[in-house]
Amino acid sequence: MFVGFTCRKTPYSRNRRPGITWLGQSDFVRELVACRFPLVMTHPPPCRAVVAGHFPVRYVCSPAATMAGSLREHRLHRWISRRRSMANALRVGHAMGLYLADLAVLVRAYRRAQREVTLLLVRSASVRASSFILNAFSSEESLVLFRFLPHHIGQLAALLELDVRFGYPRYFVDAAECLCIMLRRLSSPARWMDLEELFGRSRSALCAVFLASVDRFVSKWGHLVSEWRGDFMRERAPRFAARIEAAGASLDRCVGFIDGTALFVSRPRGGLQRACYSGHKRKHALKFQNVLTPDGLFFHLFGPVEGRRHDMTLYHESAMDATLADALIVGGEQYYLYGDVAYMV
């Protein structure tokens, strides 16, 4: 079904005929802004071949065209380009002596492009007008958005020393805001567009700040998670075991939990499709092995490896068996980790 307006064909000559009113340029623009057309028709207008065949239009927008599209096709510069193309096509149609009814398809495309440009410019202005002030958040809002209290975020930013450097002056972000962007992105699944008005920055800027902050954080403090800290575990082992036993578990010397985690990814290329496919999950994934302690933090992390690997394969490749033989002996008592049936030790 074609979307447009039923109209009669208009002669190409500009000869004046009785009953026909020709519009000047200003009248044409004013009529274009104020016009309204029905949404649906059952057959195309007679001038469709003329519009599609002779007008230099690369894109004709229609509500019945398609409901699926990529984000790249709906960015501001794309809509500005489409609006310019529609305006040029309408000027050509007016010069040929066509009525607005004959140009219904182009008029609808122009009006939609104009509306999209206006909405995107309004949102861009609202984002630029916003600014991130950590002290403006209440304790409840800070816990919901960042999982930490405002004064704790300031202390963490100073201790973690997230002195991130950017090549663009407009990307200047202090340590507290870098940490907040990381925490907000990792605390819940959110798109960058959802965070634009919260931080007063564009999607590209937020993405660049997040990646640079994570890279800086991992390079500076990643060894605290990837390496087994024996002294720290020996100090906390009795407390961890007491908390787990007090929770009702029938384990008297358990200090943590070990398990493999699969993170689903898109189908990879370059010969990695078979390696990353998990027959158990029926999806492509990357696997990690983590040790979780009762305080809710990752004590040890190993990976990533191919998604097809079994949990026991990760256990042996991480040399965890040799590490735990001596690392969990505290005061002459042997402590242990709890794992599911996949760990056939």
C-alpha atoms as a PDB file:
ATOM      1  CA  MET A   1       0.000   0.000   0.000  1.00  0.00           C
ATOM      2  CA  PHE A   2       1.365   3.375  -1.016  1.00  0.00           C
ATOM      3  CA  VAL A   3       1.246   6.284   1.382  1.00  0.00           C
ATOM      4  CA  GLY A   4       0.500   9.655  -0.081  1.00  0.00           C
ATOM      5  CA  PHE A   5      -2.351  11.670  -1.545  1.00  0.00           C
ATOM      6  CA  THR A   6      -4.633  11.124  -4.509  1.00  0.00           C
ATOM      7  CA  CYS A   7      -4.163  13.900  -7.023  1.00  0.00           C
ATOM      8  CA  ARG A   8      -4.536  14.602 -10.712  1.00  0.00           C
ATOM      9  CA  LYS A   9      -1.578  15.114 -12.979  1.00  0.00           C
ATOM     10  CA  THR A  10      -0.500  18.687 -13.458  1.00  0.00           C
ATOM     11  CA  PRO A  11       0.760  19.885 -16.855  1.00  0.00           C
ATOM     12  CA  TYR A  12       4.443  20.698 -17.031  1.00  0.00           C
ATOM     13  CA  SER A  13       3.918  23.966 -18.941  1.00  0.00           C
ATOM     14  CA  ARG A  14       3.548  27.115 -16.922  1.00  0.00           C
ATOM     15  CA  ASN A  15       0.831  28.506 -19.228  1.00  0.00           C
ATOM     16  CA  ARG A  16      -1.821  30.270 -17.229  1.00  0.00           C
ATOM     17  CA  ARG A  17      -5.192  28.566 -17.363  1.00  0.00           C
ATOM     18  CA  PRO A  18      -8.536  29.612 -15.877  1.00  0.00           C
ATOM     19  CA  GLY A  19      -9.136  28.293 -12.373  1.00  0.00           C
ATOM     20  CA  ILE A  20      -5.440  27.697 -11.606  1.00  0.00           C
ATOM     21  CA  THR A  21      -3.618  29.811  -9.023  1.00  0.00           C
ATOM     22  CA  TRP A  22       0.155  29.838  -9.291  1.00  0.00           C
ATOM     23  CA  LEU A  23       2.079  30.325  -6.030  1.00  0.00           C
ATOM     24  CA  GLY A  24       5.055  32.597  -5.594  1.00  0.00           C
ATOM     25  CA  GLN A  25       8.172  31.424  -3.717  1.00  0.00           C
ATOM     26  CA  SER A  26       7.111  32.885  -0.349  1.00  0.00           C
ATOM     27  CA  ASP A  27       3.552  31.617  -0.770  1.00  0.00           C
ATOM     28  CA  PHE A  28       4.904  28.200  -1.681  1.00  0.00           C
ATOM     29  CA  VAL A  29       7.002  27.958   1.470  1.00  0.00           C
ATOM     30  CA  ARG A  30       4.141  29.215   3.646  1.00  0.00           C
ATOM     31  CA  GLU A  31       1.775  26.724   2.079  1.00  0.00           C
ATOM     32  CA  LEU A  32       4.326  23.963   2.541  1.00  0.00           C
ATOM     33  CA  VAL A  33       4.619  24.608   6.266  1.00  0.00           C
ATOM     34  CA  ALA A  34       0.869  24.763   6.831  1.00  0.00           C
ATOM     35  CA  CYS A  35      -0.254  21.897   4.567  1.00  0.00           C
ATOM     36  CA  ARG A  36      -1.881  18.694   5.779  1.00  0.00           C
ATOM     37  CA  PHE A  37      -2.372  15.514   3.791  1.00  0.00           C
ATOM     38  CA  PRO A  38      -4.264  12.281   4.428  1.00  0.00           C
ATOM     39  CA  LEU A  39      -2.132   9.359   5.557  1.00  0.00           C
ATOM     40  CA  VAL A  40      -3.278   6.436   3.433  1.00  0.00           C
ATOM     41  CA  MET A  41      -4.367   5.863  -0.113  1.00  0.00           C
ATOM     42  CA  THR A  42      -4.974   2.676  -2.053  1.00  0.00           C
ATOM     43  CA  HIS A  43      -3.175   3.637  -5.275  1.00  0.00           C
ATOM     44  CA  PRO A  44      -0.235   5.910  -6.106  1.00  0.00           C
ATOM     45  CA  PRO A  45      -0.773   9.406  -7.422  1.00  0.00           C
ATOM     46  CA  PRO A  46      -0.464   9.896 -11.182  1.00  0.00           C
ATOM     47  CA  CYS A  47       2.579  12.086 -10.665  1.00  0.00           C
ATOM     48  CA  ARG A  48       4.535   9.405  -8.811  1.00  0.00           C
ATOM     49  CA  ALA A  49       6.517   8.438 -11.914  1.00  0.00           C
ATOM     50  CA  VAL A  50       7.361  12.063 -12.499  1.00  0.00           C
ATOM     51  CA  VAL A  51       8.508  12.568  -8.902  1.00  0.00           C
ATOM     52  CA  ALA A  52      10.513   9.342  -8.745  1.00  0.00           C
ATOM     53  CA  GLY A  53      11.895   9.517 -12.279  1.00  0.00           C
ATOM     54  CA  HIS A  54      12.821  13.142 -12.824  1.00  0.00           C
ATOM     55  CA  PHE A  55      13.444  14.706  -9.426  1.00  0.00           C
ATOM     56  CA  PRO A  56      17.010  14.397  -8.077  1.00  0.00           C
ATOM     57  CA  VAL A  57      15.964  12.772  -4.778  1.00  0.00           C
ATOM     58  CA  ARG A  58      18.082  10.078  -3.136  1.00  0.00           C
ATOM     59  CA  TYR A  59      15.803   9.370  -0.198  1.00  0.00           C
ATOM     60  CA  VAL A  60      12.021   9.470  -0.024  1.00  0.00           C
ATOM     61  CA  CYS A  61      10.719   8.954   3.495  1.00  0.00           C
ATOM     62  CA  SER A  62       7.374   7.267   4.030  1.00  0.00           C
ATOM     63  CA  PRO A  63       5.594   6.089   7.210  1.00  0.00           C
ATOM     64  CA  ALA A  64       4.942   2.749   5.532  1.00  0.00           C
ATOM     65  CA  ALA A  65       8.521   2.264   4.338  1.00  0.00           C
ATOM     66  CA  THR A  66      10.138   0.158   7.044  1.00  0.00           C
ATOM     67  CA  MET A  67       9.978  -0.209  10.809  1.00  0.00           C
ATOM     68  CA  ALA A  68      13.566  -1.378  11.247  1.00  0.00           C
ATOM     69  CA  GLY A  69      16.596   0.865  10.929  1.00  0.00           C
ATOM     70  CA  SER A  70      20.052   1.402  12.292  1.00  0.00           C
ATOM     71  CA  LEU A  71      21.036   4.195  14.640  1.00  0.00           C
ATOM     72  CA  ARG A  72      23.548   5.463  12.100  1.00  0.00           C
ATOM     73  CA  GLU A  73      20.777   6.267   9.623  1.00  0.00           C
ATOM     74  CA  HIS A  74      18.973   8.508  12.140  1.00  0.00           C
ATOM     75  CA  ARG A  75      21.757  10.780  13.331  1.00  0.00           C
ATOM     76  CA  LEU A  76      21.438  14.540  13.113  1.00  0.00           C
ATOM     77  CA  HIS A  77      23.706  15.085  10.101  1.00  0.00           C
ATOM     78  CA  ARG A  78      21.802  12.413   8.141  1.00  0.00           C
ATOM     79  CA  TRP A  79      18.457  14.119   8.777  1.00  0.00           C
ATOM     80  CA  ILE A  80      19.902  17.513   7.855  1.00  0.00           C
ATOM     81  CA  SER A  81      21.142  16.051   4.571  1.00  0.00           C
ATOM     82  CA  ARG A  82      17.732  14.508   3.876  1.00  0.00           C
ATOM     83  CA  ARG A  83      15.958  17.757   4.658  1.00  0.00           C
ATOM     84  CA  ARG A  84      18.228  19.565   2.206  1.00  0.00           C
ATOM     85  CA  SER A  85      17.508  16.943  -0.489  1.00  0.00           C
ATOM     86  CA  MET A  86      13.758  17.216   0.069  1.00  0.00           C
ATOM     87  CA  ALA A  87      13.899  21.019  -0.071  1.00  0.00           C
ATOM     88  CA  ASN A  88      15.803  20.936  -3.375  1.00  0.00           C
ATOM     89  CA  ALA A  89      13.332  18.452  -4.836  1.00  0.00           C
ATOM     90  CA  LEU A  90      10.383  20.601  -3.774  1.00  0.00           C
ATOM     91  CA  ARG A  91      11.943  23.660  -5.372  1.00  0.00           C
ATOM     92  CA  VAL A  92      12.364  21.712  -8.608  1.00  0.00           C
ATOM     93  CA  GLY A  93       8.732  20.619  -8.450  1.00  0.00           C
ATOM     94  CA  HIS A  94       7.574  24.161  -7.877  1.00  0.00           C
ATOM     95  CA  ALA A  95       9.659  25.366 -10.817  1.00  0.00           C
ATOM     96  CA  MET A  96       8.018  22.713 -12.992  1.00  0.00           C
ATOM     97  CA  GLY A  97       4.590  24.038 -12.044  1.00  0.00           C
ATOM     98  CA  LEU A  98       3.402  21.123  -9.899  1.00  0.00           C
ATOM     99  CA  TYR A  99       0.864  21.620  -7.147  1.00  0.00           C
ATOM    100  CA  LEU A 100       1.593  20.732  -3.527  1.00  0.00           C
ATOM    101  CA  ALA A 101      -0.887  17.877  -3.886  1.00  0.00           C
ATOM    102  CA  ASP A 102       1.285  16.439  -6.637  1.00  0.00           C
ATOM    103  CA  LEU A 103       4.297  16.684  -4.331  1.00  0.00           C
ATOM    104  CA  ALA A 104       2.576  15.028  -1.368  1.00  0.00           C
ATOM    105  CA  VAL A 105       5.211  12.318  -0.930  1.00  0.00           C
ATOM    106  CA  LEU A 106       8.055  14.819  -0.936  1.00  0.00           C
ATOM    107  CA  VAL A 107       6.185  17.204   1.347  1.00  0.00           C
ATOM    108  CA  ARG A 108       5.642  14.458   3.917  1.00  0.00           C
ATOM    109  CA  ALA A 109       9.311  13.481   3.711  1.00  0.00           C
ATOM    110  CA  TYR A 110      10.392  17.108   4.141  1.00  0.00           C
ATOM    111  CA  ARG A 111       8.112  17.681   7.100  1.00  0.00           C
ATOM    112  CA  ARG A 112       9.322  14.529   8.827  1.00  0.00           C
ATOM    113  CA  ALA A 113      12.969  15.478   8.276  1.00  0.00           C
ATOM    114  CA  GLN A 114      12.255  18.966   9.639  1.00  0.00           C
ATOM    115  CA  ARG A 115      10.603  17.477  12.720  1.00  0.00           C
ATOM    116  CA  GLU A 116      13.488  15.068  13.349  1.00  0.00           C
ATOM    117  CA  VAL A 117      16.067  17.844  13.030  1.00  0.00           C
ATOM    118  CA  THR A 118      14.127  20.056  15.446  1.00  0.00           C
ATOM    119  CA  LEU A 119      13.788  17.301  18.056  1.00  0.00           C
ATOM    120  CA  LEU A 120      17.458  16.343  17.842  1.00  0.00           C
ATOM    121  CA  LEU A 121      18.578  19.962  18.138  1.00  0.00           C
ATOM    122  CA  VAL A 122      16.354  20.459  21.194  1.00  0.00           C
ATOM    123  CA  ARG A 123      17.800  17.353  22.854  1.00  0.00           C
ATOM    124  CA  SER A 124      21.345  18.417  21.996  1.00  0.00           C
ATOM    125  CA  ALA A 125      20.711  21.818  23.581  1.00  0.00           C
ATOM    126  CA  SER A 126      19.288  20.214  26.732  1.00  0.00           C
ATOM    127  CA  VAL A 127      22.346  17.950  27.020  1.00  0.00           C
ATOM    128  CA  ARG A 128      24.737  20.874  26.659  1.00  0.00           C
ATOM    129  CA  ALA A 129      22.776  22.800  29.281  1.00  0.00           C
ATOM    130  CA  SER A 130      23.136  19.970  31.803  1.00  0.00           C
ATOM    131  CA  SER A 131      26.108  19.585  34.117  1.00  0.00           C
ATOM    132  CA  PHE A 132      27.131  16.829  36.511  1.00  0.00           C
ATOM    133  CA  ILE A 133      27.343  17.836  40.172  1.00  0.00           C
ATOM    134  CA  LEU A 134      27.905  14.906  42.532  1.00  0.00           C
ATOM    135  CA  ASN A 135      26.779  16.796  45.641  1.00  0.00           C
ATOM    136  CA  ALA A 136      23.388  17.442  44.015  1.00  0.00           C
ATOM    137  CA  PHE A 137      22.443  13.757  44.462  1.00  0.00           C
ATOM    138  CA  SER A 138      20.838  12.547  47.652  1.00  0.00           C
ATOM    139  CA  SER A 139      22.123   9.446  49.421  1.00  0.00           C
ATOM    140  CA  GLU A 140      19.261   7.369  48.042  1.00  0.00           C
ATOM    141  CA  GLU A 141      19.801   8.563  44.469  1.00  0.00           C
ATOM    142  CA  SER A 142      23.540   7.982  44.724  1.00  0.00           C
ATOM    143  CA  LEU A 143      23.062   4.426  45.978  1.00  0.00           C
ATOM    144  CA  VAL A 144      20.579   3.654  43.214  1.00  0.00           C
ATOM    145  CA  LEU A 145      22.667   5.158  40.410  1.00  0.00           C
ATOM    146  CA  PHE A 146      26.251   4.484  41.534  1.00  0.00           C
ATOM    147  CA  ARG A 147      25.958   1.949  44.416  1.00  0.00           C
ATOM    148  CA  PHE A 148      27.990   4.273  46.672  1.00  0.00           C
ATOM    149  CA  LEU A 149      27.265   7.311  48.833  1.00  0.00           C
ATOM    150  CA  PRO A 150      28.426  10.699  47.471  1.00  0.00           C
ATOM    151  CA  HIS A 151      31.199  11.185  50.043  1.00  0.00           C
ATOM    152  CA  HIS A 152      32.383   7.605  49.503  1.00  0.00           C
ATOM    153  CA  ILE A 153      32.698   8.251  45.771  1.00  0.00           C
ATOM    154  CA  GLY A 154      34.985  11.212  46.466  1.00  0.00           C
ATOM    155  CA  GLN A 155      37.139   9.101  48.770  1.00  0.00           C
ATOM    156  CA  LEU A 156      37.336   6.247  46.238  1.00  0.00           C
ATOM    157  CA  ALA A 157      38.294   8.614  43.426  1.00  0.00           C
ATOM    158  CA  ALA A 158      41.167   9.971  45.516  1.00  0.00           C
ATOM    159  CA  LEU A 159      42.373   6.502  46.549  1.00  0.00           C
ATOM    160  CA  LEU A 160      42.122   4.950  43.082  1.00  0.00           C
ATOM    161  CA  GLU A 161      44.005   7.858  41.474  1.00  0.00           C
ATOM    162  CA  LEU A 162      42.056   7.840  38.220  1.00  0.00           C
ATOM    163  CA  ASP A 163      44.116  10.553  36.562  1.00  0.00           C
ATOM    164  CA  VAL A 164      42.820   9.939  33.054  1.00  0.00           C
ATOM    165  CA  ARG A 165      44.270  12.028  30.229  1.00  0.00           C
ATOM    166  CA  PHE A 166      42.374  12.780  27.023  1.00  0.00           C
ATOM    167  CA  GLY A 167      43.553  14.136  23.697  1.00  0.00           C
ATOM    168  CA  TYR A 168      40.578  16.499  23.379  1.00  0.00           C
ATOM    169  CA  PRO A 169      40.253  19.504  25.732  1.00  0.00           C
ATOM    170  CA  ARG A 170      36.475  19.153  25.740  1.00  0.00           C
ATOM    171  CA  TYR A 171      36.847  15.684  27.278  1.00  0.00           C
ATOM    172  CA  PHE A 172      38.412  17.061  30.452  1.00  0.00           C
ATOM    173  CA  VAL A 173      36.851  15.041  33.281  1.00  0.00           C
ATOM    174  CA  ASP A 174      37.922  14.934  36.910  1.00  0.00           C
ATOM    175  CA  ALA A 175      38.529  11.675  38.784  1.00  0.00           C
ATOM    176  CA  ALA A 176      35.160  11.707  40.583  1.00  0.00           C
ATOM    177  CA  GLU A 177      33.177  12.055  37.360  1.00  0.00           C
ATOM    178  CA  CYS A 178      35.259   9.339  35.654  1.00  0.00           C
ATOM    179  CA  LEU A 179      34.450   7.007  38.531  1.00  0.00           C
ATOM    180  CA  CYS A 180      30.746   7.915  38.406  1.00  0.00           C
ATOM    181  CA  ILE A 181      30.589   7.202  34.664  1.00  0.00           C
ATOM    182  CA  MET A 182      32.206   3.807  35.259  1.00  0.00           C
ATOM    183  CA  LEU A 183      29.928   2.957  38.177  1.00  0.00           C
ATOM    184  CA  ARG A 184      26.742   4.041  36.405  1.00  0.00           C
ATOM    185  CA  ARG A 185      27.582   2.101  33.255  1.00  0.00           C
ATOM    186  CA  LEU A 186      28.528  -1.072  35.166  1.00  0.00           C
ATOM    187  CA  SER A 187      25.782  -0.953  37.805  1.00  0.00           C
ATOM    188  CA  SER A 188      22.917  -1.583  35.378  1.00  0.00           C
ATOM    189  CA  PRO A 189      22.395  -2.139  31.637  1.00  0.00           C
ATOM    190  CA  ALA A 190      21.926   1.360  30.215  1.00  0.00           C
ATOM    191  CA  ARG A 191      22.582   2.869  26.809  1.00  0.00           C
ATOM    192  CA  TRP A 192      24.782   5.904  26.430  1.00  0.00           C
ATOM    193  CA  MET A 193      21.793   7.938  25.271  1.00  0.00           C
ATOM    194  CA  ASP A 194      20.152   7.332  28.665  1.00  0.00           C
ATOM    195  CA  LEU A 195      23.152   8.900  30.407  1.00  0.00           C
ATOM    196  CA  GLU A 196      23.558  12.023  28.261  1.00  0.00           C
ATOM    197  CA  GLU A 197      21.365  14.322  30.362  1.00  0.00           C
ATOM    198  CA  LEU A 198      22.677  12.807  33.617  1.00  0.00           C
ATOM    199  CA  PHE A 199      26.298  13.775  32.892  1.00  0.00           C
ATOM    200  CA  GLY A 200      25.735  16.580  30.371  1.00  0.00           C
ATOM    201  CA  ARG A 201      27.920  14.919  27.744  1.00  0.00           C
ATOM    202  CA  SER A 202      27.322  13.350  24.353  1.00  0.00           C
ATOM    203  CA  ARG A 203      27.276   9.622  23.707  1.00  0.00           C
ATOM    204  CA  SER A 204      30.665   9.672  22.006  1.00  0.00           C
ATOM    205  CA  ALA A 205      32.223  11.605  24.888  1.00  0.00           C
ATOM    206  CA  LEU A 206      30.765   9.267  27.514  1.00  0.00           C
ATOM    207  CA  CYS A 207      31.990   6.217  25.613  1.00  0.00           C
ATOM    208  CA  ALA A 208      35.503   7.657  25.282  1.00  0.00           C
ATOM    209  CA  VAL A 209      35.643   8.595  28.988  1.00  0.00           C
ATOM    210  CA  PHE A 210      34.385   5.158  30.054  1.00  0.00           C
ATOM    211  CA  LEU A 211      36.878   3.206  27.926  1.00  0.00           C
ATOM    212  CA  ALA A 212      39.805   5.375  28.999  1.00  0.00           C
ATOM    213  CA  SER A 213      38.788   5.116  32.676  1.00  0.00           C
ATOM    214  CA  VAL A 214      38.433   1.338  32.552  1.00  0.00           C
ATOM    215  CA  ASP A 215      41.779   0.997  30.779  1.00  0.00           C
ATOM    216  CA  ARG A 216      43.446   3.184  33.389  1.00  0.00           C
ATOM    217  CA  PHE A 217      41.755   1.331  36.245  1.00  0.00           C
ATOM    218  CA  VAL A 218      42.742  -2.134  34.964  1.00  0.00           C
ATOM    219  CA  SER A 219      46.329  -1.147  34.205  1.00  0.00           C
ATOM    220  CA  LYS A 220      46.766   0.367  37.676  1.00  0.00           C
ATOM    221  CA  TRP A 221      44.766  -1.977  39.909  1.00  0.00           C
ATOM    222  CA  GLY A 222      44.021  -5.052  37.805  1.00  0.00           C
ATOM    223  CA  HIS A 223      46.675  -7.132  39.578  1.00  0.00           C
ATOM    224  CA  LEU A 224      44.596  -7.037  42.767  1.00  0.00           C
ATOM    225  CA  VAL A 225      41.999  -9.228  41.045  1.00  0.00           C
ATOM    226  CA  SER A 226      44.108 -11.330  38.680  1.00  0.00           C
ATOM    227  CA  GLU A 227      46.671 -12.369  41.316  1.00  0.00           C
ATOM    228  CA  TRP A 228      45.966 -14.489  44.383  1.00  0.00           C
ATOM    229  CA  ARG A 229      46.620 -12.420  47.510  1.00  0.00           C
ATOM    230  CA  GLY A 230      47.593 -15.046  50.045  1.00  0.00           C
ATOM    231  CA  ASP A 231      48.328 -12.734  52.974  1.00  0.00           C
ATOM    232  CA  PHE A 232      44.999 -10.958  52.621  1.00  0.00           C
ATOM    233  CA  MET A 233      43.095 -14.270  52.470  1.00  0.00           C
ATOM    234  CA  ARG A 234      44.889 -15.665  55.533  1.00  0.00           C
ATOM    235  CA  GLU A 235      43.905 -12.552  57.453  1.00  0.00           C
ATOM    236  CA  ARG A 236      40.233 -12.716  56.426  1.00  0.00           C
ATOM    237  CA  ALA A 237      39.726 -16.517  56.224  1.00  0.00           C
ATOM    238  CA  PRO A 238      38.426 -17.065  59.812  1.00  0.00           C
ATOM    239  CA  ARG A 239      35.993 -14.163  59.461  1.00  0.00           C
ATOM    240  CA  PHE A 240      34.733 -15.368  56.061  1.00  0.00           C
ATOM    241  CA  ALA A 241      34.221 -18.917  57.363  1.00  0.00           C
ATOM    242  CA  ALA A 242      32.330 -17.663  60.421  1.00  0.00           C
ATOM    243  CA  ARG A 243      29.987 -15.535  58.297  1.00  0.00           C
ATOM    244  CA  ILE A 244      29.169 -18.390  55.926  1.00  0.00           C
ATOM    245  CA  GLU A 245      28.514 -20.801  58.790  1.00  0.00           C
ATOM    246  CA  ALA A 246      26.375 -18.208  60.597  1.00  0.00           C
ATOM    247  CA  ALA A 247      24.204 -17.884  57.471  1.00  0.00           C
ATOM    248  CA  GLY A 248      23.038 -21.492  57.989  1.00  0.00           C
ATOM    249  CA  ALA A 249      25.452 -23.347  55.722  1.00  0.00           C
ATOM    250  CA  SER A 250      26.706 -26.765  56.760  1.00  0.00           C
ATOM    251  CA  LEU A 251      30.260 -25.672  55.933  1.00  0.00           C
ATOM    252  CA  ASP A 252      32.574 -24.821  58.801  1.00  0.00           C
ATOM    253  CA  ARG A 253      35.743 -23.710  56.960  1.00  0.00           C
ATOM    254  CA  CYS A 254      34.462 -22.382  53.624  1.00  0.00           C
ATOM    255  CA  VAL A 255      35.897 -18.967  52.746  1.00  0.00           C
ATOM    256  CA  GLY A 256      34.443 -18.373  49.281  1.00  0.00           C
ATOM    257  CA  PHE A 257      32.746 -19.690  46.184  1.00  0.00           C
ATOM    258  CA  ILE A 258      34.308 -20.575  42.833  1.00  0.00           C
ATOM    259  CA  ASP A 259      32.417 -20.759  39.570  1.00  0.00           C
ATOM    260  CA  GLY A 260      32.723 -20.142  35.853  1.00  0.00           C
ATOM    261  CA  THR A 261      30.785 -17.330  34.209  1.00  0.00           C
ATOM    262  CA  ALA A 262      29.912 -17.085  30.513  1.00  0.00           C
ATOM    263  CA  LEU A 263      29.472 -13.652  28.958  1.00  0.00           C
ATOM    264  CA  PHE A 264      27.500 -13.881  25.724  1.00  0.00           C
ATOM    265  CA  VAL A 265      28.964 -12.131  22.684  1.00  0.00           C
ATOM    266  CA  SER A 266      28.009 -11.672  19.055  1.00  0.00           C
ATOM    267  CA  ARG A 267      29.134 -14.294  16.591  1.00  0.00           C
ATOM    268  CA  PRO A 268      32.859 -13.614  16.113  1.00  0.00           C
ATOM    269  CA  ARG A 269      34.829 -13.701  12.891  1.00  0.00           C
ATOM    270  CA  GLY A 270      38.340 -14.648  11.992  1.00  0.00           C
ATOM    271  CA  GLY A 271      37.980 -18.357  12.713  1.00  0.00           C
ATOM    272  CA  LEU A 272      36.808 -17.878  16.311  1.00  0.00           C
ATOM    273  CA  GLN A 273      33.189 -18.864  15.753  1.00  0.00           C
ATOM    274  CA  ARG A 274      33.678 -22.535  16.642  1.00  0.00           C
ATOM    275  CA  ALA A 275      36.039 -21.773  19.530  1.00  0.00           C
ATOM    276  CA  CYS A 276      33.660 -19.317  21.200  1.00  0.00           C
ATOM    277  CA  TYR A 277      30.502 -21.383  20.742  1.00  0.00           C
ATOM    278  CA  SER A 278      29.247 -22.919  23.994  1.00  0.00           C
ATOM    279  CA  GLY A 279      27.387 -26.169  23.409  1.00  0.00           C
ATOM    280  CA  HIS A 280      25.935 -25.971  26.917  1.00  0.00           C
ATOM    281  CA  LYS A 281      24.583 -22.423  26.560  1.00  0.00           C
ATOM    282  CA  ARG A 282      23.865 -22.737  22.800  1.00  0.00           C
ATOM    283  CA  LYS A 283      25.409 -19.302  22.286  1.00  0.00           C
ATOM    284  CA  HIS A 284      28.751 -17.676  21.546  1.00  0.00           C
ATOM    285  CA  ALA A 285      30.465 -16.600  24.734  1.00  0.00           C
ATOM    286  CA  LEU A 286      33.682 -15.791  26.576  1.00  0.00           C
ATOM    287  CA  LYS A 287      34.255 -17.531  29.909  1.00  0.00           C
ATOM    288  CA  PHE A 288      35.785 -16.326  33.153  1.00  0.00           C
ATOM    289  CA  GLN A 289      36.539 -18.082  36.420  1.00  0.00           C
ATOM    290  CA  ASN A 290      35.909 -16.058  39.546  1.00  0.00           C
ATOM    291  CA  VAL A 291      36.259 -16.566  43.280  1.00  0.00           C
ATOM    292  CA  LEU A 292      33.623 -14.689  45.269  1.00  0.00           C
ATOM    293  CA  THR A 293      33.987 -13.984  48.986  1.00  0.00           C
ATOM    294  CA  PRO A 294      31.126 -13.425  51.498  1.00  0.00           C
ATOM    295  CA  ASP A 295      31.590  -9.638  51.356  1.00  0.00           C
ATOM    296  CA  GLY A 296      30.253  -9.741  47.773  1.00  0.00           C
ATOM    297  CA  LEU A 297      33.557  -8.882  46.046  1.00  0.00           C
ATOM    298  CA  PHE A 298      35.610 -10.745  43.469  1.00  0.00           C
ATOM    299  CA  PHE A 299      38.722 -12.030  45.195  1.00  0.00           C
ATOM    300  CA  HIS A 300      40.229 -13.648  42.100  1.00  0.00           C
ATOM    301  CA  LEU A 301      39.425 -13.509  38.391  1.00  0.00           C
ATOM    302  CA  PHE A 302      40.860 -15.577  35.549  1.00  0.00           C
ATOM    303  CA  GLY A 303      40.089 -15.156  31.863  1.00  0.00           C
ATOM    304  CA  PRO A 304      38.836 -14.605  29.306  1.00  0.00           C
ATOM    305  CA  VAL A 305      39.006 -17.954  27.497  1.00  0.00           C
ATOM    306  CA  GLU A 306      36.987 -19.533  24.690  1.00  0.00           C
ATOM    307  CA  GLY A 307      33.333 -20.128  25.462  1.00  0.00           C
ATOM    308  CA  ARG A 308      33.569 -23.849  24.667  1.00  0.00           C
ATOM    309  CA  ARG A 309      35.917 -24.530  27.601  1.00  0.00           C
ATOM    310  CA  HIS A 310      34.685 -26.485  30.630  1.00  0.00           C
ATOM    311  CA  ASP A 311      34.912 -25.079  34.151  1.00  0.00           C
ATOM    312  CA  MET A 312      37.520 -27.698  35.079  1.00  0.00           C
ATOM    313  CA  THR A 313      39.655 -26.583  32.148  1.00  0.00           C
ATOM    314  CA  LEU A 314      39.684 -23.056  33.530  1.00  0.00           C
ATOM    315  CA  TYR A 315      40.474 -24.452  36.983  1.00  0.00           C
ATOM    316  CA  HIS A 316      43.601 -26.235  35.734  1.00  0.00           C
ATOM    317  CA  GLU A 317      44.735 -23.455  33.387  1.00  0.00           C
ATOM    318  CA  SER A 318      44.561 -20.905  36.216  1.00  0.00           C
ATOM    319  CA  ALA A 319      46.771 -23.169  38.393  1.00  0.00           C
ATOM    320  CA  MET A 320      44.214 -22.824  41.134  1.00  0.00           C
ATOM    321  CA  ASP A 321      44.773 -26.369  42.385  1.00  0.00           C
ATOM    322  CA  ALA A 322      48.423 -25.700  43.155  1.00  0.00           C
ATOM    323  CA  THR A 323      47.629 -22.304  44.660  1.00  0.00           C
ATOM    324  CA  LEU A 324      44.960 -23.521  47.067  1.00  0.00           C
ATOM    325  CA  ALA A 325      47.095 -26.365  48.407  1.00  0.00           C
ATOM    326  CA  ASP A 326      49.078 -23.947  50.605  1.00  0.00           C
ATOM    327  CA  ALA A 327      47.213 -20.648  50.367  1.00  0.00           C
ATOM    328  CA  LEU A 328      44.236 -21.739  52.504  1.00  0.00           C
ATOM    329  CA  ILE A 329      46.134 -23.267  55.412  1.00  0.00           C
ATOM    330  CA  VAL A 330      45.658 -20.812  58.282  1.00  0.00           C
ATOM    331  CA  GLY A 331      46.736 -21.640  61.826  1.00  0.00           C
ATOM    332  CA  GLY A 332      47.133 -25.293  60.952  1.00  0.00           C
ATOM    333  CA  GLU A 333      43.547 -25.545  59.628  1.00  0.00           C
ATOM    334  CA  GLN A 334      42.703 -26.250  55.989  1.00  0.00           C
ATOM    335  CA  TYR A 335      40.093 -23.886  54.581  1.00  0.00           C
ATOM    336  CA  TYR A 336      38.449 -24.444  51.207  1.00  0.00           C
ATOM    337  CA  LEU A 337      36.304 -23.012  48.423  1.00  0.00           C
ATOM    338  CA  TYR A 338      32.848 -24.244  47.485  1.00  0.00           C
ATOM    339  CA  GLY A 339      32.143 -25.161  43.869  1.00  0.00           C
ATOM    340  CA  ASP A 340      29.276 -26.845  42.039  1.00  0.00           C
ATOM    341  CA  VAL A 341      29.300 -30.330  40.518  1.00  0.00           C
ATOM    342  CA  ALA A 342      31.300 -29.095  37.520  1.00  0.00           C
ATOM    343  CA  TYR A 343      34.441 -29.095  39.672  1.00  0.00           C
ATOM    344  CA  MET A 344      35.338 -32.757  39.831  1.00  0.00           C
ATOM    345  CA  VAL A 345      38.415 -32.460  42.060  1.00  0.00           C
END
